Protein backbone atom coordinates (compact mmCIF):
# COMPACT_ATOMS: atom_id res chain seq x y z
CA MET A 1 100.58 90.40 112.16
CA SER A 2 100.97 93.81 113.37
CA GLU A 3 98.54 96.53 112.90
CA LYS A 4 99.70 99.63 110.76
CA GLN A 5 100.66 102.54 112.84
CA ARG A 6 100.83 106.49 111.77
CA PHE A 7 104.10 108.17 112.12
CA GLU A 8 105.60 111.53 111.56
CA LEU A 9 109.13 111.67 110.37
CA ARG A 10 110.77 114.64 109.46
CA ILE A 11 113.15 114.15 106.66
CA GLU A 12 116.27 116.98 105.96
CA GLY A 13 117.59 117.45 102.43
CA MET A 14 114.44 117.67 100.22
CA THR A 15 114.58 120.70 98.16
CA CYS A 16 111.91 120.32 95.65
CA SER A 17 108.70 118.24 94.68
CA GLY A 18 110.88 115.97 92.60
CA CYS A 19 112.67 115.04 95.72
CA ALA A 20 109.29 114.46 97.77
CA LYS A 21 108.03 112.18 94.81
CA THR A 22 110.99 110.00 95.12
CA VAL A 23 110.70 109.51 99.16
CA LYS A 24 107.10 108.89 98.29
CA THR A 25 107.79 106.52 95.46
CA LEU A 26 110.44 104.56 97.55
CA LEU A 27 108.21 104.46 100.73
CA GLU A 28 105.42 103.02 98.64
CA LYS A 29 106.71 100.30 96.99
CA ARG A 30 108.13 98.98 100.28
CA GLY A 31 104.29 98.97 101.73
CA PHE A 32 104.02 102.11 103.37
CA GLU A 33 101.20 104.41 102.78
CA VAL A 34 102.58 108.06 102.29
CA LYS A 35 99.33 110.40 103.31
CA SER A 36 101.38 113.66 103.18
CA ILE A 37 105.01 114.80 102.23
CA ASN A 38 106.08 118.31 102.27
CA TYR A 39 109.54 118.98 100.95
CA LYS A 40 109.53 122.63 102.51
CA ASP A 41 109.76 121.40 106.19
CA GLY A 42 110.39 117.58 105.79
CA LYS A 43 107.04 116.67 107.64
CA THR A 44 105.87 113.77 106.10
CA ILE A 45 103.00 111.38 107.53
CA ILE A 46 103.20 107.79 106.67
CA TYR A 47 100.84 104.37 107.52
CA GLY A 48 103.18 101.26 108.16
CA ASN A 49 104.42 98.36 110.12
CA PRO A 50 106.03 99.38 113.20
CA ASN A 51 108.54 96.42 112.99
CA ASN A 52 109.60 97.96 109.30
CA ILE A 53 110.10 101.93 110.26
CA SER A 54 113.74 101.25 110.56
CA THR A 55 113.30 99.66 106.70
CA ALA A 56 111.75 103.29 105.93
CA GLN A 57 114.73 105.29 107.53
CA GLY A 58 117.15 103.05 105.84
CA LEU A 59 115.90 103.54 102.59
CA ILE A 60 115.22 107.50 102.91
CA ASP A 61 119.07 107.57 104.19
CA LYS A 62 120.19 105.47 101.08
CA ALA A 63 118.19 107.90 98.76
CA GLY A 64 120.81 110.89 100.08
CA TYR A 65 118.05 112.55 102.51
CA ARG A 66 118.32 112.10 106.18
CA VAL A 67 115.63 111.10 108.86
CA ALA A 68 115.89 113.80 111.31
CA ASP A 69 112.94 112.71 113.77
CA ILE A 70 110.16 110.18 114.12
CA LYS A 71 107.14 110.34 116.06
CA VAL A 72 104.60 107.70 116.70
CA LEU A 73 101.10 109.59 116.10
CA ASP A 74 97.76 108.35 117.65
């Protein structure tokens, strides 16, 4: 079983707090822990299994937003 890692995502297309809530809910339903999400600059910090990060990206893309960047944080 993999340890959870912290990731910083930069999500494009969020224009309001409702967008941020939608993304947060999608990620949490799939087992990601959302530490922060800012619709203004798209910066989102999540904890999750590194093997499932592509799942997070797919969920976000399917919801109509775009993951522009993913960074693994220490």
